[in-house]
Structure formats: structure tokens, C-alpha cells
C-alpha atoms as a PDB file:
ATOM      1  CA  GLN A   1      11.107 -12.646   3.130  1.00  0.00           C
ATOM      2  CA  VAL A   2      13.923 -10.999   3.647  1.00  0.00           C
ATOM      3  CA  ARG A   3      14.919  -8.327   6.823  1.00  0.00           C
ATOM      4  CA  LEU A   4      17.590  -5.971   6.533  1.00  0.00           C
ATOM      5  CA  VAL A   5      18.914  -4.398  10.249  1.00  0.00           C
ATOM      6  CA  GLU A   6      21.892  -0.993   9.686  1.00  0.00           C
ATOM      7  CA  SER A   7      23.959  -0.132  12.499  1.00  0.00           C
ATOM      8  CA  GLY A   8      26.612   2.374  12.777  1.00  0.00           C
ATOM      9  CA  GLY A   9      25.322   5.626  12.174  1.00  0.00           C
ATOM     10  CA  GLY A  10      26.005   8.140  14.741  1.00  0.00           C
ATOM     11  CA  LEU A  11      27.870  11.818  15.551  1.00  0.00           C
ATOM     12  CA  VAL A  12      30.688  13.273  13.881  1.00  0.00           C
ATOM     13  CA  GLN A  13      33.044  15.750  12.827  1.00  0.00           C
ATOM     14  CA  ALA A  14      32.901  17.676   9.581  1.00  0.00           C
ATOM     15  CA  GLY A  15      35.920  15.820   7.587  1.00  0.00           C
ATOM     16  CA  GLY A  16      35.895  12.256   9.960  1.00  0.00           C
ATOM     17  CA  SER A  17      35.036   9.087   8.908  1.00  0.00           C
ATOM     18  CA  LEU A  18      31.943   6.605   9.878  1.00  0.00           C
ATOM     19  CA  ARG A  19      31.066   3.446   8.384  1.00  0.00           C
ATOM     20  CA  LEU A  20      28.280   2.318   8.422  1.00  0.00           C
ATOM     21  CA  SER A  21      27.074  -2.227   7.753  1.00  0.00           C
ATOM     22  CA  CYS A  22      23.782  -3.429   7.135  1.00  0.00           C
ATOM     23  CA  ALA A  23      22.780  -6.636   7.503  1.00  0.00           C
ATOM     24  CA  ALA A  24      20.014  -8.761   5.737  1.00  0.00           C
ATOM     25  CA  SER A  25      18.335 -12.234   6.773  1.00  0.00           C
ATOM     26  CA  GLY A  26      16.316 -14.576   5.727  1.00  0.00           C
ATOM     27  CA  ASP A  27      16.738 -15.779   1.645  1.00  0.00           C
ATOM     28  CA  ILE A  28      19.824 -13.799   0.714  1.00  0.00           C
ATOM     29  CA  PHE A  29      20.322 -15.501  -2.343  1.00  0.00           C
ATOM     30  CA  SER A  30      17.580 -14.105  -3.676  1.00  0.00           C
ATOM     31  CA  LEU A  31      18.998 -10.093  -3.627  1.00  0.00           C
ATOM     32  CA  ASN A  32      20.110  -9.176  -6.353  1.00  0.00           C
ATOM     33  CA  ALA A  33      21.132  -4.884  -5.594  1.00  0.00           C
ATOM     34  CA  MET A  34      22.191  -4.391  -2.627  1.00  0.00           C
ATOM     35  CA  GLY A  35      22.681  -0.075  -1.547  1.00  0.00           C
ATOM     36  CA  TRP A  36      22.727   3.040   0.632  1.00  0.00           C
ATOM     37  CA  TYR A  37      19.627   5.320   0.687  1.00  0.00           C
ATOM     38  CA  ARG A  38      19.392   8.873   2.727  1.00  0.00           C
ATOM     39  CA  ARG A  39      16.701  10.821   3.621  1.00  0.00           C
ATOM     40  CA  ALA A  40      17.823  14.395   4.951  1.00  0.00           C
ATOM     41  CA  PRO A  41      15.536  16.767   7.185  1.00  0.00           C
ATOM     42  CA  GLY A  42      13.411  18.489   4.961  1.00  0.00           C
ATOM     43  CA  LYS A  43      13.657  16.807   1.584  1.00  0.00           C
ATOM     44  CA  GLN A  44      13.081  13.117  -0.471  1.00  0.00           C
ATOM     45  CA  ARG A  45      14.825  10.132  -0.534  1.00  0.00           C
ATOM     46  CA  GLU A  46      17.629  10.095  -2.126  1.00  0.00           C
ATOM     47  CA  LEU A  47      19.878   7.293  -3.628  1.00  0.00           C
ATOM     48  CA  VAL A  48      23.791   7.264  -2.004  1.00  0.00           C
ATOM     49  CA  ALA A  49      24.915   4.035  -3.723  1.00  0.00           C
ATOM     50  CA  THR A  50      24.285   1.396  -5.296  1.00  0.00           C
ATOM     51  CA  ILE A  51      26.084  -2.476  -5.832  1.00  0.00           C
ATOM     52  CA  ALA A  52      24.410  -5.426  -7.778  1.00  0.00           C
ATOM     53  CA  ARG A  53      25.439  -9.081  -7.289  1.00  0.00           C
ATOM     54  CA  GLY A  54      27.495  -8.600 -10.430  1.00  0.00           C
ATOM     55  CA  ARG A  55      30.024  -5.910  -8.225  1.00  0.00           C
ATOM     56  CA  ASN A  56      28.518  -3.151 -10.974  1.00  0.00           C
ATOM     57  CA  ILE A  57      28.570   0.117  -8.498  1.00  0.00           C
ATOM     58  CA  ASN A  58      27.192   3.008  -8.689  1.00  0.00           C
ATOM     59  CA  TYR A  59      27.365   6.700  -6.391  1.00  0.00           C
ATOM     60  CA  ALA A  60      25.503  10.101  -6.519  1.00  0.00           C
ATOM     61  CA  ASP A  61      27.729  12.416  -7.272  1.00  0.00           C
ATOM     62  CA  SER A  62      27.748  14.254  -4.017  1.00  0.00           C
ATOM     63  CA  VAL A  63      29.598  11.277  -2.236  1.00  0.00           C
ATOM     64  CA  LYS A  64      31.753   9.783  -4.816  1.00  0.00           C
ATOM     65  CA  GLY A  65      35.524  10.264  -3.631  1.00  0.00           C
ATOM     66  CA  ARG A  66      34.137   9.659  -0.440  1.00  0.00           C
ATOM     67  CA  PHE A  67      31.976   7.176   0.216  1.00  0.00           C
ATOM     68  CA  THR A  68      32.976   2.971  -0.666  1.00  0.00           C
ATOM     69  CA  ILE A  69      30.279   0.625  -1.048  1.00  0.00           C
ATOM     70  CA  SER A  70      31.012  -3.141  -1.032  1.00  0.00           C
ATOM     71  CA  ARG A  71      29.248  -6.156  -0.762  1.00  0.00           C
ATOM     72  CA  ASP A  72      29.671  -9.603   0.803  1.00  0.00           C
ATOM     73  CA  ILE A  73      27.295 -11.768  -0.824  1.00  0.00           C
ATOM     74  CA  ALA A  74      27.703 -15.308   1.028  1.00  0.00           C
ATOM     75  CA  LYS A  75      26.883 -12.941   4.501  1.00  0.00           C
ATOM     76  CA  GLY A  76      24.588 -11.057   2.726  1.00  0.00           C
ATOM     77  CA  THR A  77      25.778  -7.455   4.019  1.00  0.00           C
ATOM     78  CA  VAL A  78      26.565  -4.537   2.698  1.00  0.00           C
ATOM     79  CA  TYR A  79      29.042  -1.456   4.068  1.00  0.00           C
ATOM     80  CA  LEU A  80      29.269   2.127   3.374  1.00  0.00           C
ATOM     81  CA  GLN A  81      32.794   3.617   4.130  1.00  0.00           C
ATOM     82  CA  MET A  82      32.081   7.215   4.688  1.00  0.00           C
ATOM     83  CA  ASN A  83      35.295   9.552   4.686  1.00  0.00           C
ATOM     84  CA  THR A  84      35.269  12.996   4.750  1.00  0.00           C
ATOM     85  CA  LEU A  85      32.238  13.603   6.026  1.00  0.00           C
ATOM     86  CA  LYS A  86      30.342  17.095   5.699  1.00  0.00           C
ATOM     87  CA  PRO A  87      27.123  19.049   7.199  1.00  0.00           C
ATOM     88  CA  GLU A  88      25.296  18.123   4.666  1.00  0.00           C
ATOM     89  CA  ASP A  89      25.396  14.412   4.599  1.00  0.00           C
ATOM     90  CA  THR A  90      23.433  14.560   7.829  1.00  0.00           C
ATOM     91  CA  ALA A  91      20.298  12.203   7.169  1.00  0.00           C
ATOM     92  CA  VAL A  92      18.882   8.873   8.046  1.00  0.00           C
ATOM     93  CA  TYR A  93      20.719   6.596   6.129  1.00  0.00           C
ATOM     94  CA  TYR A  94      18.415   3.377   4.834  1.00  0.00           C
ATOM     95  CA  CYS A  95      19.305   0.157   3.320  1.00  0.00           C
ATOM     96  CA  ASN A  96      17.769  -1.486   0.610  1.00  0.00           C
ATOM     97  CA  ALA A  97      18.039  -4.650  -1.220  1.00  0.00           C
ATOM     98  CA  ASP A  98      15.851  -5.734  -4.218  1.00  0.00           C
ATOM     99  CA  ASP A  99      15.367  -9.512  -4.990  1.00  0.00           C
ATOM    100  CA  TYR A 100      15.079 -11.062  -8.418  1.00  0.00           C
ATOM    101  CA  THR A 101      11.853 -10.665  -8.562  1.00  0.00           C
ATOM    102  CA  GLY A 102      12.494  -6.525  -8.412  1.00  0.00           C
ATOM    103  CA  ARG A 103      10.945  -6.673  -4.807  1.00  0.00           C
ATOM    104  CA  ALA A 104      12.262  -4.128  -2.347  1.00  0.00           C
ATOM    105  CA  TYR A 105      13.139  -4.127   1.111  1.00  0.00           C
ATOM    106  CA  TRP A 106      14.323  -1.697   3.437  1.00  0.00           C
ATOM    107  CA  GLY A 107      16.155  -1.864   6.515  1.00  0.00           C
ATOM    108  CA  GLN A 108      14.713   0.675   9.382  1.00  0.00           C
ATOM    109  CA  GLY A 109      17.228   3.727   9.316  1.00  0.00           C
ATOM    110  CA  THR A 110      20.151   4.721  11.120  1.00  0.00           C
ATOM    111  CA  GLN A 111      20.814   8.623  11.856  1.00  0.00           C
ATOM    112  CA  VAL A 112      23.707  10.066  10.903  1.00  0.00           C
ATOM    113  CA  THR A 113      24.951  13.731  12.038  1.00  0.00           C
ATOM    114  CA  VAL A 114      27.686  15.779  10.964  1.00  0.00           C
ATOM    115  CA  SER A 115      28.676  18.273  12.256  1.00  0.00           C
ATOM    116  CA  SER A 116      30.445  21.398  11.625  1.00  0.00           C
END
């Protein structure tokens, strides 16, 4: 069993930066990929970035060059550095992790609001 807790959301002006953190607890060494998803108002949840245990990284086209995902496997943490934020980045950001059985875990979400 794994629990994910996000932190670091908030309100920022367009062009600003935020860093999201997600800390996993429980059986963290069973985790394979970790990543971030977001859900904007009135839209479906979408992938933002993922990082596999082998460090393979995948970004949504909309955040490439602005967001950077990183991970500390030993600590069970994953981070999302978000730079040059845009109003369209406003969403609830969710931490996600998959274990080696394919089971998915989700955090409770953290609000990111970018004002124009």
C-alpha cells in the first residue's frame, strides 16, 4: 500500500514559477513510474509528465521546455518544477504512481492558479 501527498501549489502570476512535490509513504520500493497529471476546470484529467524508475521521462507537448520532472527513488519523492507558467496551466495537479503489479495510486491534488 502506498500513500501520496502533494505540496507546493498556489497562486502565481503568468511568467512565474512553482515547484510541486509529492512524497510517497508505505511500500515505496514497489513503485515503478511516478508522475503528474492535471485537471483544468471543465476538462478531463491529462498527463503532464512522468518519470520511470529507469529515468525515462515523458512530457505533454504543452509543457515541454517549461516544466521539469525529477525523482528521488530512495526517498520516494517526485518533483515538478514549473517555469514560465501560463494561465492555461491553471488546474488541480495530481501526483500518480504505479507499482510493479500495475496498480495506480493518486494523491489528493494540489491547486495551481496562474493569473494573467
